[in-house]
Amino acid sequence: MNITIDKNSGYCFGVEFAIQMAEDELESSQELYCLGDIVHNGMEVQRLYGKGLRIIDRAQLEELHDCKVLIRAHGEPPETYKLALKNNIELIDASCPVVLKLQNRVKHAFDSIQTDKGQIVLYGQQGHAEVIGLAGQTRDEAIIVTTEEDLAKIDFTRPVTLFSQTTKSTKGFYHMKALIEERIKQANPEQVLPEFDANDSICRQVSNREPQLTRFSVEHDVIIFVSGKKSSNGKALYSVCKQHNPNSYFIENEQELDPAWFANANSVGICGATSTPMWLMEQVARGIEALDTATV
């Protein structure tokens, strides 16, 4: 059985940068706090825990003083930086540059729409760390939409400025954009339409993986997609694999492999999310090799 790991899978720049910053800091510190999971992958979080990285939540952050805290790639709202100043916390800021640029764009748009009662709409996952940071640029006044039902939150008689979480599906964003355009027309018959500014703010390093995974999925009999269950990006990319190859399976680690998946398979492709480390995909490959050997 031929087993191939997708060379385009694995960490995006932002995640790789954050993990490198954590490891560099831990070389001179026995312990480093991180606000939220540094990456949505339990195996990698466990590995870094062994090096001294301690995950904390926002409630715990409020109790900390005189220490160092890592800001992960997802970015943070302004309130986090204010709290750090108040509690004398040194922030190791590993926010992804793409996310930081988007935060600035959202803040500028929010400041600009105040005079005409416009609305900032964020296409993203409610409660996702990046979305919390983006909404924070609007004093949490942004309208967050994930599904078509969420569009009911928008007043289509007022101006709308749309942005997207950087890791959302490109197809999903343009579908949402089209729905908003249609609702604006329906809400304003025979009137001048309010302004609608749609900004495709999806990270291209992420969106380019969709066509790459489409090609990779059809090249193999079986696809093993490796990702943490919490990863929004992982869910989106796995759906691409499943759409183009029904013999696609989502796992977190090699212990979840099922020998029945590989019956009569000559070619297996292993791929993953932007939060999936290469070492974990290699570990899964060894697990599949062991299954193959056991059946001989």
Protein backbone atom coordinates (compact mmCIF):
# COMPACT_ATOMS: atom_id res chain seq x y z
CA MET A 1 0.00 0.00 0.00
CA ASN A 2 1.37 3.38 -1.01
CA ILE A 3 1.08 6.09 1.69
CA THR A 4 1.59 9.76 0.83
CA ILE A 5 1.57 12.80 3.13
CA ASP A 6 0.27 15.97 1.48
CA LYS A 7 3.24 18.35 1.30
CA ASN A 8 0.88 21.35 1.37
CA SER A 9 -0.75 20.34 4.67
CA GLY A 10 0.42 21.28 8.13
CA TYR A 11 1.03 24.53 9.91
CA CYS A 12 0.29 27.84 8.28
CA PHE A 13 2.79 30.65 8.85
CA GLY A 14 0.86 32.15 11.76
CA VAL A 15 0.66 28.93 13.78
CA GLU A 16 4.27 28.00 13.03
CA PHE A 17 5.37 31.49 14.14
CA ALA A 18 3.44 31.24 17.43
CA ILE A 19 4.82 27.79 18.30
CA GLN A 20 8.36 28.90 17.49
CA MET A 21 7.96 31.94 19.76
CA ALA A 22 6.71 29.68 22.57
CA GLU A 23 9.59 27.24 22.19
CA ASP A 24 12.15 30.07 22.03
CA GLU A 25 10.77 31.59 25.24
CA LEU A 26 10.69 28.22 27.01
CA GLU A 27 14.39 27.72 26.34
CA SER A 28 15.08 30.34 29.02
CA SER A 29 11.93 29.89 31.16
CA GLN A 30 10.64 26.83 32.98
CA GLU A 31 7.04 27.92 32.54
CA LEU A 32 5.10 30.15 30.15
CA TYR A 33 1.40 30.93 30.19
CA CYS A 34 -0.66 30.92 27.00
CA LEU A 35 -4.11 32.48 26.75
CA GLY A 36 -6.17 29.67 25.23
CA ASP A 37 -4.90 26.64 23.31
CA ILE A 38 -1.88 27.74 21.30
CA VAL A 39 -3.21 25.58 18.47
CA HIS A 40 -6.43 23.62 18.04
CA ASN A 41 -4.64 20.31 18.23
CA GLY A 42 -4.62 18.35 21.49
CA MET A 43 -1.50 16.34 20.62
CA GLU A 44 0.58 19.45 20.03
CA VAL A 45 -0.78 21.13 23.16
CA GLN A 46 0.34 18.06 25.15
CA ARG A 47 3.81 18.17 23.58
CA LEU A 48 4.27 21.83 24.50
CA TYR A 49 2.87 21.20 27.99
CA GLY A 50 5.82 18.89 28.50
CA LYS A 51 8.11 21.81 27.71
CA GLY A 52 6.39 24.09 30.25
CA LEU A 53 3.59 25.81 28.32
CA ARG A 54 0.55 26.28 30.55
CA ILE A 55 -2.84 27.04 29.01
CA ILE A 56 -5.02 29.54 30.88
CA ASP A 57 -8.44 31.07 30.25
CA ARG A 58 -9.54 34.70 30.57
CA ALA A 59 -10.69 34.32 34.17
CA GLN A 60 -7.26 33.00 35.14
CA LEU A 61 -5.56 35.84 33.27
CA GLU A 62 -7.30 38.35 35.50
CA GLU A 63 -5.69 36.73 38.55
CA LEU A 64 -2.15 36.75 37.16
CA HIS A 65 0.44 39.44 37.95
CA ASP A 66 4.11 40.04 37.13
CA CYS A 67 4.54 37.18 34.66
CA LYS A 68 4.76 36.42 30.93
CA VAL A 69 1.77 35.40 28.80
CA LEU A 70 1.82 34.33 25.17
CA ILE A 71 -0.81 35.71 22.80
CA ARG A 72 -1.47 33.01 20.21
CA ALA A 73 -1.87 33.47 16.45
CA HIS A 74 -5.63 34.09 16.69
CA GLY A 75 -5.07 37.57 18.16
CA GLU A 76 -6.81 39.26 21.09
CA PRO A 77 -9.27 42.13 21.67
CA PRO A 78 -8.03 45.48 23.09
CA GLU A 79 -9.26 44.55 26.60
CA THR A 80 -6.58 41.87 26.89
CA TYR A 81 -3.80 44.41 26.35
CA LYS A 82 -5.37 46.80 28.87
CA LEU A 83 -5.54 44.03 31.47
CA ALA A 84 -1.89 43.13 30.85
CA LEU A 85 -0.83 46.71 31.56
CA LYS A 86 -2.94 46.80 34.72
CA ASN A 87 -1.50 43.51 36.07
CA ASN A 88 2.08 44.12 34.95
CA ILE A 89 1.97 41.15 32.58
CA GLU A 90 4.56 40.96 29.81
CA LEU A 91 2.83 39.81 26.64
CA ILE A 92 4.71 37.64 24.15
CA ASP A 93 2.60 38.65 21.15
CA ALA A 94 2.49 35.90 18.54
CA SER A 95 -0.63 37.24 16.78
CA CYS A 96 -0.61 36.28 13.10
CA PRO A 97 0.29 39.32 10.94
CA VAL A 98 -2.68 38.54 8.68
CA VAL A 99 -5.02 38.64 11.68
CA LEU A 100 -3.47 41.87 13.01
CA LYS A 101 -3.94 43.54 9.65
CA LEU A 102 -7.58 42.43 9.59
CA GLN A 103 -8.13 43.74 13.12
CA ASN A 104 -6.89 47.15 11.96
CA ARG A 105 -9.19 47.06 8.93
CA VAL A 106 -12.19 46.17 11.09
CA LYS A 107 -11.43 48.94 13.57
CA HIS A 108 -10.99 51.52 10.80
CA ALA A 109 -14.27 50.42 9.17
CA PHE A 110 -16.08 50.55 12.50
CA ASP A 111 -14.84 54.07 13.20
CA SER A 112 -15.83 55.17 9.68
CA ILE A 113 -19.44 53.94 9.79
CA GLN A 114 -20.48 55.73 12.96
CA THR A 115 -21.83 58.77 11.11
CA ASP A 116 -24.24 56.82 8.87
CA LYS A 117 -25.31 54.16 11.41
CA GLY A 118 -23.61 51.38 9.48
CA GLN A 119 -23.11 47.81 10.69
CA ILE A 120 -20.01 45.64 10.82
CA VAL A 121 -20.84 42.02 9.98
CA LEU A 122 -18.31 39.25 10.64
CA TYR A 123 -18.69 35.94 8.83
CA GLY A 124 -17.19 33.54 11.32
CA GLN A 125 -17.70 31.11 14.16
CA GLN A 126 -19.35 32.56 17.27
CA GLY A 127 -16.95 32.22 20.20
CA HIS A 128 -13.91 31.47 18.04
CA ALA A 129 -10.76 33.15 19.41
CA GLU A 130 -10.08 35.11 16.22
CA VAL A 131 -13.69 36.32 16.03
CA ILE A 132 -13.54 37.49 19.66
CA GLY A 133 -10.48 39.55 18.78
CA LEU A 134 -12.11 41.01 15.68
CA ALA A 135 -15.36 41.84 17.46
CA GLY A 136 -13.32 43.55 20.15
CA GLN A 137 -12.25 46.15 17.58
CA THR A 138 -15.92 47.20 17.38
CA ARG A 139 -16.57 47.31 21.15
CA ASP A 140 -18.36 43.98 20.56
CA GLU A 141 -21.01 45.68 18.41
CA ALA A 142 -20.19 43.60 15.32
CA ILE A 143 -22.88 41.22 14.09
CA ILE A 144 -21.49 37.69 13.84
CA VAL A 145 -23.04 35.42 11.22
CA THR A 146 -22.26 31.76 10.75
CA THR A 147 -25.39 30.40 9.06
CA GLU A 148 -28.11 31.80 6.82
CA GLU A 149 -30.41 32.03 9.85
CA ASP A 150 -28.00 34.48 11.49
CA LEU A 151 -28.69 37.04 8.74
CA ALA A 152 -31.89 37.92 10.61
CA LYS A 153 -29.68 39.93 12.98
CA ILE A 154 -28.88 42.46 10.23
CA ASP A 155 -30.90 45.59 9.46
CA PHE A 156 -30.87 45.57 5.66
CA THR A 157 -32.12 49.14 5.45
CA ARG A 158 -28.80 50.38 6.87
CA PRO A 159 -25.25 50.22 5.42
CA VAL A 160 -23.39 46.94 5.88
CA THR A 161 -19.64 46.27 5.89
CA LEU A 162 -18.81 42.56 5.70
CA PHE A 163 -15.56 40.87 6.73
CA SER A 164 -14.64 37.21 7.17
CA GLN A 165 -12.73 35.23 9.76
CA THR A 166 -9.44 34.45 8.00
CA THR A 167 -9.89 30.67 8.14
CA LYS A 168 -13.44 30.40 6.79
CA SER A 169 -14.33 28.80 3.48
CA THR A 170 -14.07 31.07 0.43
CA LYS A 171 -17.15 29.43 -1.05
CA GLY A 172 -19.05 30.04 2.18
CA PHE A 173 -18.06 33.70 2.27
CA TYR A 174 -19.23 34.43 -1.28
CA HIS A 175 -22.46 32.55 -0.65
CA MET A 176 -23.10 34.74 2.40
CA LYS A 177 -22.20 37.85 0.38
CA ALA A 178 -24.76 36.95 -2.29
CA LEU A 179 -27.45 36.35 0.32
CA ILE A 180 -26.84 39.74 1.91
CA GLU A 181 -26.98 41.49 -1.46
CA GLU A 182 -30.32 39.84 -2.21
CA ARG A 183 -31.75 40.71 1.22
CA ILE A 184 -30.72 44.35 0.81
CA LYS A 185 -32.64 44.52 -2.49
CA GLN A 186 -35.69 42.87 -0.94
CA ALA A 187 -35.68 45.26 2.03
CA ASN A 188 -35.40 48.37 -0.14
CA PRO A 189 -37.83 48.04 -3.09
CA GLU A 190 -37.80 51.04 -5.40
CA GLN A 191 -35.42 52.90 -3.08
CA VAL A 192 -31.76 53.86 -3.17
CA LEU A 193 -29.93 50.86 -1.78
CA PRO A 194 -27.82 51.35 1.35
CA GLU A 195 -24.08 50.85 0.86
CA PHE A 196 -22.78 47.29 1.03
CA ASP A 197 -19.00 46.81 1.28
CA ALA A 198 -17.92 43.15 1.17
CA ASN A 199 -14.29 42.40 2.08
CA ASP A 200 -12.86 38.98 1.29
CA SER A 201 -10.47 38.80 4.26
CA ILE A 202 -9.80 35.06 4.08
CA CYS A 203 -6.12 34.15 4.37
CA ARG A 204 -4.89 33.03 0.96
CA GLN A 205 -2.51 30.53 2.49
CA VAL A 206 -5.64 28.89 3.89
CA SER A 207 -8.00 29.35 0.93
CA ASN A 208 -5.42 27.98 -1.54
CA ARG A 209 -5.51 24.69 0.31
CA GLU A 210 -9.05 23.99 -0.88
CA PRO A 211 -8.12 23.44 -4.57
CA GLN A 212 -4.92 21.67 -3.50
CA LEU A 213 -6.88 19.26 -1.30
CA THR A 214 -9.42 18.70 -4.07
CA ARG A 215 -6.64 17.41 -6.32
CA PHE A 216 -5.01 15.42 -3.53
CA SER A 217 -8.29 13.75 -2.52
CA VAL A 218 -9.04 12.30 -5.95
CA GLU A 219 -5.50 10.97 -6.36
CA HIS A 220 -5.91 8.39 -3.57
CA ASP A 221 -8.24 5.52 -2.73
CA VAL A 222 -8.50 6.55 0.93
CA ILE A 223 -7.94 9.93 2.59
CA ILE A 224 -6.99 10.24 6.26
CA PHE A 225 -7.54 13.81 7.48
CA VAL A 226 -5.69 14.57 10.72
CA SER A 227 -6.91 17.47 12.85
CA GLY A 228 -8.03 18.51 16.30
CA LYS A 229 -11.80 18.36 16.76
CA LYS A 230 -11.81 22.04 17.86
CA SER A 231 -10.28 23.30 14.62
CA SER A 232 -12.71 25.37 12.54
CA ASN A 233 -10.26 25.23 9.65
CA GLY A 234 -9.98 21.46 10.04
CA LYS A 235 -13.73 20.98 9.74
CA ALA A 236 -13.85 23.15 6.61
CA LEU A 237 -10.93 21.41 4.88
CA TYR A 238 -12.15 17.93 5.80
CA SER A 239 -15.48 18.72 4.14
CA VAL A 240 -13.52 19.43 0.92
CA CYS A 241 -11.89 16.00 1.13
CA LYS A 242 -15.17 14.23 1.89
CA GLN A 243 -16.91 15.98 -1.00
CA HIS A 244 -14.37 14.72 -3.52
CA ASN A 245 -13.55 11.37 -1.96
CA PRO A 246 -16.25 9.58 0.08
CA ASN A 247 -13.55 7.33 1.55
CA SER A 248 -12.25 10.22 3.69
CA TYR A 249 -11.91 9.85 7.46
CA PHE A 250 -11.33 12.48 10.16
CA ILE A 251 -9.02 11.46 13.04
CA GLU A 252 -7.06 13.21 15.81
CA ASN A 253 -4.30 10.60 16.05
CA GLU A 254 -3.23 7.15 14.89
CA GLN A 255 -5.14 5.43 17.70
CA GLU A 256 -8.40 6.21 15.88
CA LEU A 257 -7.40 4.33 12.71
CA ASP A 258 -9.75 1.54 11.64
CA PRO A 259 -8.20 -1.33 9.62
CA ALA A 260 -11.48 -1.73 7.71
CA TRP A 261 -10.94 1.63 6.02
CA PHE A 262 -7.97 0.25 4.07
CA ALA A 263 -9.47 -2.95 2.71
CA ASN A 264 -8.50 -3.19 -0.98
CA ALA A 265 -6.85 0.26 -0.87
CA ASN A 266 -3.70 0.66 -2.95
CA SER A 267 -3.14 4.33 -2.24
CA VAL A 268 -3.66 6.31 0.99
CA GLY A 269 -3.31 10.07 1.30
CA ILE A 270 -2.70 11.78 4.63
CA CYS A 271 -3.48 15.48 5.01
CA GLY A 272 -4.49 17.93 7.70
CA ALA A 273 -5.48 21.39 8.86
CA THR A 274 -3.37 24.52 9.27
CA SER A 275 -3.17 23.52 12.95
CA THR A 276 -1.90 19.97 12.29
CA PRO A 277 1.82 19.38 12.95
CA MET A 278 3.80 17.43 10.38
CA TRP A 279 5.16 15.12 13.08
CA LEU A 280 1.61 14.00 13.84
CA MET A 281 0.83 13.19 10.18
CA GLU A 282 4.09 11.22 10.04
CA GLN A 283 3.03 9.35 13.18
CA VAL A 284 -0.30 8.50 11.52
CA ALA A 285 1.58 7.25 8.45
CA ARG A 286 3.60 4.88 10.66
CA GLY A 287 0.35 3.70 12.25
CA ILE A 288 -1.10 2.85 8.83
CA GLU A 289 2.12 1.06 7.86
CA ALA A 290 1.83 -1.03 11.02
CA LEU A 291 -1.76 -1.97 10.12
CA ASP A 292 -0.69 -2.91 6.61
CA THR A 293 2.14 -5.10 7.94
CA ALA A 294 -0.22 -6.78 10.41
CA THR A 295 -2.57 -7.86 7.63
CA VAL A 296 0.14 -9.41 5.48
